[in-house]
């Protein structure tokens, strides 16, 4: 039996420290309200069965709140407490708000449409060090579009091969060379 934590609170007003997500929901043979409960639970502290370790402190402090449900457009908003997330860790944040929920049987279709990050999470990302003007100044490019490329293949090159592709790109006149998002610190090419 699934543990009922009742995630819907249409009177809730998001706090400045909440991470707020807007979703478009197409329920799968259940009501929109039931789908909202499933989405909020699966993206946070919920589980498919009753567990002995769930307690009032966890439910009170970490339970998100579905505070807006538009039955006509099927758009919903969920406020998540910032404590659910590791500041500076986009993969962890996305695995919660845009992870398992997309594979749930409770929804036919689900689309994350918007995210409003609290300042406490935003400042944990160091952001662009130079900004647009700083990058243009650094590259000495003022009036034309910046031209860039992405190293291919996206993964598999050894560091010297990767560096050679970047060097050749810059030597050929490109301004920026970007790593593919799938490239992280891998055995064959450590950062």
Foldseek 3Di string as FASTA:
>chain_A
DWDDLDQEDQVDDADLQWKKWKKAFAFQPDALSVLVSVLQQQLWPTDRHDDPPDDPVCSVQFRKHFRDADRVRRMTMITTHNVRDDAPDVVSNCCRNPNCSQVDNGTPGMDTDDIDHRPVNVVSHVPDPQPPVRLCVVLVNDPDDAFEEEDPPLDDDAQVVSVVVVVVCVVVPHRDYHRDPVDAQDPRYGD
